[in-house]
Amino acid sequence: MKLNRPLVFLLFVIMYFPLKAGDGFCNIRNSAFSNGEMITLKVFYTVVGAYFGAGEATFNTTLEKMAGKPVYHIVGDGKTYSFYDNFFKVRDKYETYIDTATLQPYRFIRNVYEGGYKKYENVTFNKTTNSAVTNQGVYKVPECVQDVLSAVYYSRNIDFNKYKVGDRINFSMFLDNEVYEMYIRYLGKETIKTKYGKFKAIKFKPLLIKGTIFEGGEKMTVWVSDDRNHIPVRIESPISVGSVKIDMISYRNLRYPLTSLVSL
């Protein structure tokens, strides 16, 4: 199955770096983010070496209750800038509600408008029966499957010091009523200069599903902050025409100081 995804959707799919199932995939506790955190990323599109800003995505975390249980309600809003709307207008909203103790998702909502394409998806995860109940049916899922957005925050707690350069890290993701078995390849650490500043960073390549915008395989490169926050600072990928570069441009209420920032 091919996934038809525009530029801004990239921000919701490749921002994460999940764990091997054998590394306590169901047992991690949150030590990376907290209530009130906000992160904003900007998409730069390039053709023939010229870059221009195409859109932004903002991720917000709030502490709420669902059925009497404390949950992190995480919202990701993505949109193209007004001038880019003339080419491919995007207005995407993704939401997940995750258990504060286990970081497992209870509910996932996707409400998108992408170049004339509209879709609304509402998923409830039943951890007792290992099933996902959607507006199109009930689907069997692995014990610790994540949705697109919950995976971002769950996996920010990974300890990359446990891995060697070249290691493949496997994970399962439920999207569009299907379970995808995917991986990322850890590439080590390096210092990188972004639109925000210079960072000490962790580098990896995620496996991508071939679609109309992105090529399949390990074509994309991601850098995340080499500190306890593990926020994305730079993403690069070729697309069907040209390429994209995505940088973190602002943040608020991180759990820890951004010690990976070398200079502005």
Protein backbone atom coordinates (compact mmCIF):
# COMPACT_ATOMS: atom_id res chain seq x y z
CA MET A 1 0.00 0.00 0.00
CA LYS A 2 1.34 3.45 -0.90
CA LEU A 3 0.84 6.39 1.43
CA ASN A 4 -0.07 9.71 -0.18
CA ARG A 5 1.48 12.31 2.12
CA PRO A 6 2.39 15.98 1.53
CA LEU A 7 5.32 17.93 2.93
CA VAL A 8 3.90 18.89 6.31
CA PHE A 9 2.85 15.31 7.10
CA LEU A 10 6.56 14.52 7.11
CA LEU A 11 6.82 16.31 10.43
CA PHE A 12 4.41 13.87 12.06
CA VAL A 13 5.91 10.69 10.65
CA ILE A 14 9.69 10.88 10.87
CA MET A 15 10.18 12.91 14.02
CA TYR A 16 10.46 9.80 16.17
CA PHE A 17 13.05 7.07 16.89
CA PRO A 18 11.43 3.96 18.44
CA LEU A 19 12.94 1.08 20.40
CA LYS A 20 13.63 -2.57 19.79
CA ALA A 21 10.77 -4.65 21.18
CA GLY A 22 13.28 -6.54 23.27
CA ASP A 23 14.50 -3.36 24.99
CA GLY A 24 11.47 -2.94 27.24
CA PHE A 25 9.18 -1.42 24.61
CA CYS A 26 6.22 -1.69 27.01
CA ASN A 27 8.04 -0.61 30.14
CA ILE A 28 9.62 2.78 29.47
CA ARG A 29 8.63 5.67 31.72
CA ASN A 30 8.66 9.31 30.69
CA SER A 31 11.76 11.28 31.60
CA ALA A 32 12.05 13.47 28.47
CA PHE A 33 9.08 15.86 28.29
CA SER A 34 6.54 17.54 30.55
CA ASN A 35 3.25 19.44 30.65
CA GLY A 36 3.29 22.70 28.69
CA GLU A 37 6.04 21.82 26.21
CA MET A 38 5.81 23.41 22.76
CA ILE A 39 8.05 22.75 19.73
CA THR A 40 7.78 24.41 16.31
CA LEU A 41 9.39 23.15 13.09
CA LYS A 42 9.67 24.93 9.75
CA VAL A 43 9.68 23.26 6.31
CA PHE A 44 12.03 24.65 3.65
CA TYR A 45 11.49 23.48 0.06
CA THR A 46 14.25 23.65 -2.53
CA VAL A 47 14.43 23.45 -6.32
CA VAL A 48 17.71 24.06 -8.19
CA GLY A 49 19.47 25.03 -4.96
CA ALA A 50 17.03 27.79 -3.90
CA TYR A 51 15.27 27.38 -0.52
CA PHE A 52 12.01 28.96 0.56
CA GLY A 53 9.75 28.39 3.57
CA ALA A 54 6.73 26.24 2.73
CA GLY A 55 5.03 25.64 6.09
CA GLU A 56 5.24 24.96 9.82
CA ALA A 57 4.16 22.37 12.37
CA THR A 58 3.71 22.99 16.08
CA PHE A 59 3.52 20.31 18.78
CA ASN A 60 1.91 21.07 22.16
CA THR A 61 1.65 18.89 25.30
CA THR A 62 -0.95 19.34 28.06
CA LEU A 63 -1.82 17.24 31.09
CA GLU A 64 -5.49 16.17 31.17
CA LYS A 65 -7.76 13.34 32.30
CA MET A 66 -9.53 10.70 30.21
CA ALA A 67 -12.01 8.33 31.89
CA GLY A 68 -10.54 9.40 35.22
CA LYS A 69 -6.95 8.60 34.21
CA PRO A 70 -4.20 11.19 33.81
CA VAL A 71 -3.09 11.49 30.18
CA TYR A 72 -0.82 13.63 28.08
CA HIS A 73 -2.92 15.26 25.36
CA ILE A 74 -0.54 16.00 22.51
CA VAL A 75 -1.62 18.05 19.51
CA GLY A 76 0.31 18.51 16.28
CA ASP A 77 -0.89 21.28 13.94
CA GLY A 78 0.65 21.53 10.47
CA LYS A 79 -0.05 24.10 7.77
CA THR A 80 1.47 25.58 4.66
CA TYR A 81 2.10 29.31 4.37
CA SER A 82 -0.45 31.39 2.46
CA PHE A 83 1.64 31.77 -0.71
CA TYR A 84 2.31 27.99 -0.78
CA ASP A 85 -1.43 27.33 -0.41
CA ASN A 86 -1.78 28.21 -4.09
CA PHE A 87 0.31 25.14 -4.97
CA PHE A 88 -0.64 22.62 -2.26
CA LYS A 89 -2.70 23.80 0.70
CA VAL A 90 -2.28 21.79 3.90
CA ARG A 91 -4.22 22.11 7.15
CA ASP A 92 -3.49 19.05 9.30
CA LYS A 93 -4.31 18.34 12.91
CA TYR A 94 -3.13 15.24 14.76
CA GLU A 95 -4.00 14.40 18.38
CA THR A 96 -3.07 11.59 20.73
CA TYR A 97 -3.98 10.82 24.33
CA ILE A 98 -1.32 8.74 26.09
CA ASP A 99 -1.15 7.22 29.56
CA THR A 100 1.23 9.23 31.76
CA ALA A 101 2.59 6.07 33.41
CA THR A 102 3.01 3.68 30.45
CA LEU A 103 3.13 6.14 27.52
CA GLN A 104 0.74 3.85 25.63
CA PRO A 105 -1.93 5.57 23.47
CA TYR A 106 -5.62 5.45 24.36
CA ARG A 107 -6.91 7.52 21.44
CA PHE A 108 -5.64 8.97 18.18
CA ILE A 109 -7.40 11.57 16.00
CA ARG A 110 -6.39 12.72 12.54
CA ASN A 111 -8.25 15.54 10.78
CA VAL A 112 -6.50 16.60 7.59
CA TYR A 113 -6.90 18.69 4.49
CA GLU A 114 -4.11 18.09 1.98
CA GLY A 115 -4.37 19.67 -1.47
CA GLY A 116 -8.11 18.99 -1.72
CA TYR A 117 -7.88 15.58 -0.04
CA LYS A 118 -9.78 15.35 3.25
CA LYS A 119 -9.69 12.62 5.88
CA TYR A 120 -10.94 12.19 9.42
CA GLU A 121 -9.72 9.24 11.47
CA ASN A 122 -10.61 8.40 15.07
CA VAL A 123 -8.84 5.42 16.67
CA THR A 124 -9.36 3.94 20.14
CA PHE A 125 -6.68 1.51 21.34
CA ASN A 126 -7.88 -1.37 23.52
CA LYS A 127 -4.82 -2.65 25.38
CA THR A 128 -6.76 -5.56 26.91
CA THR A 129 -7.67 -7.10 23.54
CA ASN A 130 -4.70 -5.67 21.59
CA SER A 131 -7.03 -4.08 19.07
CA ALA A 132 -7.56 -0.72 17.41
CA VAL A 133 -11.15 0.42 16.95
CA THR A 134 -11.49 2.91 14.09
CA ASN A 135 -14.37 4.53 12.22
CA GLN A 136 -13.97 1.73 9.65
CA GLY A 137 -13.70 -1.35 11.86
CA VAL A 138 -11.73 -3.26 14.49
CA TYR A 139 -8.14 -4.31 13.78
CA LYS A 140 -5.69 -6.58 15.59
CA VAL A 141 -2.49 -4.80 16.63
CA PRO A 142 0.75 -5.76 18.44
CA GLU A 143 0.84 -5.40 22.21
CA CYS A 144 2.79 -2.15 22.26
CA VAL A 145 1.90 -0.55 18.94
CA GLN A 146 2.00 3.23 18.76
CA ASP A 147 0.18 5.77 16.64
CA VAL A 148 2.11 8.32 14.58
CA LEU A 149 2.12 11.01 17.24
CA SER A 150 2.37 8.95 20.44
CA ALA A 151 5.50 7.30 19.01
CA VAL A 152 7.17 10.72 18.86
CA TYR A 153 6.87 11.25 22.57
CA TYR A 154 7.19 7.65 23.74
CA SER A 155 10.48 7.14 21.98
CA ARG A 156 12.09 10.40 23.07
CA ASN A 157 13.09 8.42 26.15
CA ILE A 158 15.44 6.10 24.28
CA ASP A 159 19.07 5.80 25.42
CA PHE A 160 21.10 5.86 22.21
CA ASN A 161 24.25 4.98 24.12
CA LYS A 162 23.01 1.38 24.02
CA TYR A 163 23.37 1.23 20.24
CA LYS A 164 26.26 0.93 17.79
CA VAL A 165 26.60 2.85 14.55
CA GLY A 166 24.72 0.94 11.84
CA ASP A 167 22.26 -0.76 14.23
CA ARG A 168 18.70 -1.16 12.95
CA ILE A 169 16.00 -0.33 15.50
CA ASN A 170 12.62 -1.93 14.74
CA PHE A 171 9.14 -0.69 15.63
CA SER A 172 5.42 -1.17 14.84
CA MET A 173 3.06 1.65 13.89
CA PHE A 174 -0.72 1.65 13.26
CA LEU A 175 -1.82 4.02 10.49
CA ASP A 176 -4.63 3.97 7.91
CA ASN A 177 -6.05 0.76 9.41
CA GLU A 178 -2.78 -1.11 8.92
CA VAL A 179 0.18 -2.14 11.06
CA TYR A 180 3.53 -1.18 9.55
CA GLU A 181 6.74 -2.95 10.61
CA MET A 182 9.52 -0.45 10.07
CA TYR A 183 12.93 0.57 11.39
CA ILE A 184 15.49 3.33 11.71
CA ARG A 185 19.23 2.99 11.22
CA TYR A 186 21.39 4.68 13.88
CA LEU A 187 24.27 6.65 12.32
CA GLY A 188 26.05 8.03 15.39
CA LYS A 189 26.58 11.57 16.65
CA GLU A 190 27.79 14.79 15.04
CA THR A 191 27.57 18.57 15.33
CA ILE A 192 25.22 20.24 12.86
CA LYS A 193 24.39 23.88 12.08
CA THR A 194 20.67 24.68 11.63
CA LYS A 195 18.54 27.81 11.14
CA TYR A 196 18.23 28.02 14.95
CA GLY A 197 21.86 27.39 15.84
CA LYS A 198 24.65 24.81 16.09
CA PHE A 199 23.78 21.56 17.92
CA LYS A 200 25.42 18.41 19.16
CA ALA A 201 23.09 15.87 17.60
CA ILE A 202 22.14 12.20 17.23
CA LYS A 203 21.84 11.14 13.59
CA PHE A 204 19.75 8.38 11.99
CA LYS A 205 17.90 7.34 8.83
CA PRO A 206 14.30 6.06 9.00
CA LEU A 207 12.88 3.54 6.54
CA LEU A 208 10.21 5.34 4.49
CA ILE A 209 7.14 3.88 2.79
CA LYS A 210 7.13 4.78 -0.90
CA GLY A 211 4.45 7.35 -1.79
CA THR A 212 3.71 10.19 -4.18
CA ILE A 213 6.01 12.68 -2.40
CA PHE A 214 8.79 10.64 -0.79
CA GLU A 215 10.84 7.82 -2.22
CA GLY A 216 10.95 4.56 -0.31
CA GLY A 217 14.02 3.27 1.51
CA GLU A 218 16.65 5.06 3.62
CA LYS A 219 16.69 8.37 1.77
CA MET A 220 15.84 10.65 4.70
CA THR A 221 18.26 11.86 7.41
CA VAL A 222 17.19 13.07 10.87
CA TRP A 223 19.16 14.82 13.62
CA VAL A 224 17.81 15.12 17.20
CA SER A 225 19.30 17.03 20.13
CA ASP A 226 21.98 15.07 21.98
CA ASP A 227 20.61 15.86 25.44
CA ARG A 228 17.81 14.47 27.63
CA ASN A 229 15.10 16.32 25.67
CA HIS A 230 15.75 14.53 22.34
CA ILE A 231 13.92 17.09 20.21
CA PRO A 232 14.34 17.16 16.40
CA VAL A 233 16.66 19.92 15.20
CA ARG A 234 17.13 19.08 11.48
CA ILE A 235 15.49 16.76 8.91
CA GLU A 236 16.52 16.43 5.26
CA SER A 237 15.03 14.39 2.43
CA PRO A 238 14.80 14.29 -1.36
CA ILE A 239 11.24 14.36 -2.71
CA SER A 240 9.70 13.76 -6.14
CA VAL A 241 10.74 17.25 -7.27
CA GLY A 242 13.60 18.89 -5.37
CA SER A 243 14.16 18.31 -1.67
CA VAL A 244 13.06 19.49 1.78
CA LYS A 245 14.94 20.71 4.82
CA ILE A 246 13.12 20.99 8.15
CA ASP A 247 14.50 22.85 11.17
CA MET A 248 13.36 23.40 14.73
CA ILE A 249 12.78 27.16 14.99
CA SER A 250 11.33 27.60 18.49
CA TYR A 251 10.58 25.78 21.73
CA ARG A 252 9.04 26.46 25.12
CA ASN A 253 8.94 24.70 28.49
CA LEU A 254 11.39 21.90 27.74
CA ARG A 255 11.89 19.56 30.68
CA TYR A 256 15.66 20.12 30.71
CA PRO A 257 18.04 22.85 29.52
CA LEU A 258 18.92 22.47 25.85
CA THR A 259 22.53 21.59 26.61
CA SER A 260 23.12 20.27 23.08
CA LEU A 261 22.99 23.84 21.75
CA VAL A 262 26.58 24.87 21.06
CA SER A 263 25.93 28.37 19.75
CA LEU A 264 23.22 30.52 18.16
